[in-house]
Amino acid sequence: MAIIITYDLDSKHTVFKEAMFKLGYKDHASGLTCKKIYFPNTTLYHSSKDSVTAREDAKNIAKKLEIELERCIATKWSNWAAICGEEFK
Protein backbone atom coordinates (compact mmCIF):
# COMPACT_ATOMS: atom_id res chain seq x y z
CA MET A 1 0.00 0.00 0.00
CA ALA A 2 1.31 3.48 -0.82
CA ILE A 3 1.17 6.32 1.71
CA ILE A 4 1.91 10.00 2.04
CA ILE A 5 3.22 11.55 5.23
CA THR A 6 3.20 15.23 6.09
CA TYR A 7 4.94 16.76 9.08
CA ASP A 8 6.23 19.87 10.82
CA LEU A 9 9.61 20.00 12.57
CA ASP A 10 11.24 22.55 14.83
CA SER A 11 14.61 22.34 12.97
CA LYS A 12 16.93 20.26 10.75
CA HIS A 13 14.41 19.95 7.90
CA THR A 14 16.97 18.98 5.25
CA VAL A 15 18.73 16.40 7.43
CA PHE A 16 15.38 14.86 8.39
CA LYS A 17 14.27 14.61 4.76
CA GLU A 18 17.59 13.05 3.70
CA ALA A 19 17.18 10.40 6.42
CA MET A 20 13.66 9.65 5.19
CA PHE A 21 14.97 9.36 1.62
CA LYS A 22 17.39 6.66 2.85
CA LEU A 23 14.33 4.68 4.02
CA GLY A 24 12.81 4.85 0.53
CA TYR A 25 10.60 7.94 0.86
CA LYS A 26 10.36 10.32 -2.10
CA ASP A 27 9.31 13.94 -2.57
CA HIS A 28 7.21 12.98 -5.59
CA ALA A 29 4.99 10.24 -6.99
CA SER A 30 4.12 9.09 -10.49
CA GLY A 31 0.93 10.44 -11.96
CA LEU A 32 -1.33 9.83 -14.91
CA THR A 33 -1.95 13.43 -15.93
CA CYS A 34 1.61 14.43 -14.95
CA LYS A 35 4.70 12.27 -15.18
CA LYS A 36 5.56 13.29 -11.62
CA ILE A 37 3.53 14.91 -8.87
CA TYR A 38 5.82 16.99 -6.65
CA PHE A 39 4.66 17.28 -3.06
CA PRO A 40 4.77 20.30 -0.76
CA ASN A 41 8.05 20.73 1.09
CA THR A 42 7.15 18.68 4.20
CA THR A 43 5.23 15.87 2.51
CA LEU A 44 6.76 12.59 1.37
CA TYR A 45 5.57 9.44 -0.40
CA HIS A 46 6.40 5.78 0.08
CA SER A 47 5.16 3.12 -2.33
CA SER A 48 4.90 0.19 0.09
CA LYS A 49 4.78 1.29 3.74
CA ASP A 50 1.63 1.66 5.82
CA SER A 51 0.68 4.82 7.69
CA VAL A 52 1.66 3.54 11.16
CA THR A 53 5.12 2.51 9.94
CA ALA A 54 5.60 5.89 8.25
CA ARG A 55 4.69 7.72 11.45
CA GLU A 56 7.08 5.54 13.45
CA ASP A 57 9.87 6.14 10.91
CA ALA A 58 9.37 9.90 11.33
CA LYS A 59 9.32 9.65 15.13
CA ASN A 60 12.48 7.54 15.21
CA ILE A 61 14.42 9.85 12.90
CA ALA A 62 13.31 12.92 14.86
CA LYS A 63 14.47 11.27 18.08
CA LYS A 64 17.87 10.37 16.58
CA LEU A 65 18.30 13.94 15.32
CA GLU A 66 17.14 15.34 18.67
CA ILE A 67 14.44 17.48 17.07
CA GLU A 68 10.76 17.86 17.82
CA LEU A 69 8.26 16.31 15.43
CA GLU A 70 5.58 18.94 16.04
CA ARG A 71 2.87 17.52 13.78
CA CYS A 72 2.64 14.38 11.67
CA ILE A 73 -0.07 12.73 9.63
CA ALA A 74 0.41 9.65 7.47
CA THR A 75 -2.39 8.26 5.34
CA LYS A 76 -3.10 5.88 2.49
CA TRP A 77 -2.39 7.39 -0.94
CA SER A 78 -5.63 7.01 -2.90
CA ASN A 79 -8.36 8.98 -4.60
CA TRP A 80 -6.25 12.10 -4.94
CA ALA A 81 -6.35 15.26 -6.98
CA ALA A 82 -3.20 17.33 -7.48
CA ILE A 83 -1.51 20.35 -8.92
CA CYS A 84 1.59 18.63 -10.26
CA GLY A 85 4.12 21.28 -9.26
CA GLU A 86 7.77 21.45 -10.18
CA GLU A 87 10.85 19.79 -8.79
CA PHE A 88 12.45 21.57 -5.83
CA LYS A 89 15.66 23.35 -6.74
C-alpha atoms as a PDB file:
ATOM      1  CA  MET A   1       0.000   0.000   0.000  1.00  0.00           C
ATOM      2  CA  ALA A   2       1.308   3.479  -0.823  1.00  0.00           C
ATOM      3  CA  ILE A   3       1.168   6.324   1.708  1.00  0.00           C
ATOM      4  CA  ILE A   4       1.914  10.001   2.043  1.00  0.00           C
ATOM      5  CA  ILE A   5       3.223  11.551   5.230  1.00  0.00           C
ATOM      6  CA  THR A   6       3.199  15.231   6.087  1.00  0.00           C
ATOM      7  CA  TYR A   7       4.942  16.759   9.076  1.00  0.00           C
ATOM      8  CA  ASP A   8       6.233  19.873  10.822  1.00  0.00           C
ATOM      9  CA  LEU A   9       9.606  20.000  12.570  1.00  0.00           C
ATOM     10  CA  ASP A  10      11.242  22.546  14.828  1.00  0.00           C
ATOM     11  CA  SER A  11      14.610  22.342  12.972  1.00  0.00           C
ATOM     12  CA  LYS A  12      16.927  20.257  10.746  1.00  0.00           C
ATOM     13  CA  HIS A  13      14.409  19.951   7.900  1.00  0.00           C
ATOM     14  CA  THR A  14      16.967  18.982   5.250  1.00  0.00           C
ATOM     15  CA  VAL A  15      18.732  16.397   7.428  1.00  0.00           C
ATOM     16  CA  PHE A  16      15.378  14.856   8.387  1.00  0.00           C
ATOM     17  CA  LYS A  17      14.266  14.614   4.761  1.00  0.00           C
ATOM     18  CA  GLU A  18      17.588  13.050   3.700  1.00  0.00           C
ATOM     19  CA  ALA A  19      17.184  10.405   6.423  1.00  0.00           C
ATOM     20  CA  MET A  20      13.660   9.651   5.194  1.00  0.00           C
ATOM     21  CA  PHE A  21      14.970   9.357   1.618  1.00  0.00           C
ATOM     22  CA  LYS A  22      17.389   6.658   2.853  1.00  0.00           C
ATOM     23  CA  LEU A  23      14.326   4.680   4.017  1.00  0.00           C
ATOM     24  CA  GLY A  24      12.810   4.853   0.529  1.00  0.00           C
ATOM     25  CA  TYR A  25      10.599   7.939   0.864  1.00  0.00           C
ATOM     26  CA  LYS A  26      10.360  10.322  -2.102  1.00  0.00           C
ATOM     27  CA  ASP A  27       9.310  13.940  -2.570  1.00  0.00           C
ATOM     28  CA  HIS A  28       7.211  12.984  -5.592  1.00  0.00           C
ATOM     29  CA  ALA A  29       4.989  10.237  -6.995  1.00  0.00           C
ATOM     30  CA  SER A  30       4.123   9.088 -10.492  1.00  0.00           C
ATOM     31  CA  GLY A  31       0.931  10.445 -11.958  1.00  0.00           C
ATOM     32  CA  LEU A  32      -1.326   9.825 -14.911  1.00  0.00           C
ATOM     33  CA  THR A  33      -1.945  13.432 -15.932  1.00  0.00           C
ATOM     34  CA  CYS A  34       1.608  14.435 -14.952  1.00  0.00           C
ATOM     35  CA  LYS A  35       4.703  12.274 -15.183  1.00  0.00           C
ATOM     36  CA  LYS A  36       5.557  13.292 -11.619  1.00  0.00           C
ATOM     37  CA  ILE A  37       3.534  14.910  -8.869  1.00  0.00           C
ATOM     38  CA  TYR A  38       5.821  16.987  -6.654  1.00  0.00           C
ATOM     39  CA  PHE A  39       4.656  17.282  -3.058  1.00  0.00           C
ATOM     40  CA  PRO A  40       4.765  20.297  -0.764  1.00  0.00           C
ATOM     41  CA  ASN A  41       8.054  20.726   1.095  1.00  0.00           C
ATOM     42  CA  THR A  42       7.147  18.680   4.199  1.00  0.00           C
ATOM     43  CA  THR A  43       5.234  15.870   2.507  1.00  0.00           C
ATOM     44  CA  LEU A  44       6.759  12.589   1.375  1.00  0.00           C
ATOM     45  CA  TYR A  45       5.568   9.442  -0.404  1.00  0.00           C
ATOM     46  CA  HIS A  46       6.404   5.781   0.076  1.00  0.00           C
ATOM     47  CA  SER A  47       5.155   3.119  -2.332  1.00  0.00           C
ATOM     48  CA  SER A  48       4.903   0.190   0.089  1.00  0.00           C
ATOM     49  CA  LYS A  49       4.776   1.292   3.737  1.00  0.00           C
ATOM     50  CA  ASP A  50       1.629   1.658   5.818  1.00  0.00           C
ATOM     51  CA  SER A  51       0.683   4.822   7.689  1.00  0.00           C
ATOM     52  CA  VAL A  52       1.661   3.542  11.157  1.00  0.00           C
ATOM     53  CA  THR A  53       5.116   2.509   9.943  1.00  0.00           C
ATOM     54  CA  ALA A  54       5.603   5.887   8.254  1.00  0.00           C
ATOM     55  CA  ARG A  55       4.688   7.724  11.453  1.00  0.00           C
ATOM     56  CA  GLU A  56       7.081   5.544  13.451  1.00  0.00           C
ATOM     57  CA  ASP A  57       9.874   6.142  10.907  1.00  0.00           C
ATOM     58  CA  ALA A  58       9.370   9.899  11.327  1.00  0.00           C
ATOM     59  CA  LYS A  59       9.316   9.646  15.134  1.00  0.00           C
ATOM     60  CA  ASN A  60      12.479   7.540  15.206  1.00  0.00           C
ATOM     61  CA  ILE A  61      14.415   9.854  12.903  1.00  0.00           C
ATOM     62  CA  ALA A  62      13.312  12.924  14.861  1.00  0.00           C
ATOM     63  CA  LYS A  63      14.468  11.271  18.082  1.00  0.00           C
ATOM     64  CA  LYS A  64      17.866  10.373  16.580  1.00  0.00           C
ATOM     65  CA  LEU A  65      18.304  13.936  15.319  1.00  0.00           C
ATOM     66  CA  GLU A  66      17.143  15.344  18.666  1.00  0.00           C
ATOM     67  CA  ILE A  67      14.441  17.476  17.071  1.00  0.00           C
ATOM     68  CA  GLU A  68      10.759  17.864  17.815  1.00  0.00           C
ATOM     69  CA  LEU A  69       8.264  16.315  15.431  1.00  0.00           C
ATOM     70  CA  GLU A  70       5.579  18.943  16.041  1.00  0.00           C
ATOM     71  CA  ARG A  71       2.870  17.515  13.782  1.00  0.00           C
ATOM     72  CA  CYS A  72       2.644  14.382  11.673  1.00  0.00           C
ATOM     73  CA  ILE A  73      -0.074  12.726   9.626  1.00  0.00           C
ATOM     74  CA  ALA A  74       0.406   9.649   7.472  1.00  0.00           C
ATOM     75  CA  THR A  75      -2.386   8.259   5.335  1.00  0.00           C
ATOM     76  CA  LYS A  76      -3.101   5.877   2.487  1.00  0.00           C
ATOM     77  CA  TRP A  77      -2.394   7.390  -0.942  1.00  0.00           C
ATOM     78  CA  SER A  78      -5.626   7.013  -2.903  1.00  0.00           C
ATOM     79  CA  ASN A  79      -8.363   8.975  -4.605  1.00  0.00           C
ATOM     80  CA  TRP A  80      -6.252  12.104  -4.945  1.00  0.00           C
ATOM     81  CA  ALA A  81      -6.353  15.265  -6.978  1.00  0.00           C
ATOM     82  CA  ALA A  82      -3.204  17.331  -7.482  1.00  0.00           C
ATOM     83  CA  ILE A  83      -1.506  20.353  -8.920  1.00  0.00           C
ATOM     84  CA  CYS A  84       1.593  18.628 -10.260  1.00  0.00           C
ATOM     85  CA  GLY A  85       4.119  21.281  -9.263  1.00  0.00           C
ATOM     86  CA  GLU A  86       7.774  21.454 -10.184  1.00  0.00           C
ATOM     87  CA  GLU A  87      10.846  19.787  -8.788  1.00  0.00           C
ATOM     88  CA  PHE A  88      12.453  21.568  -5.832  1.00  0.00           C
ATOM     89  CA  LYS A  89      15.660  23.350  -6.741  1.00  0.00           C
END
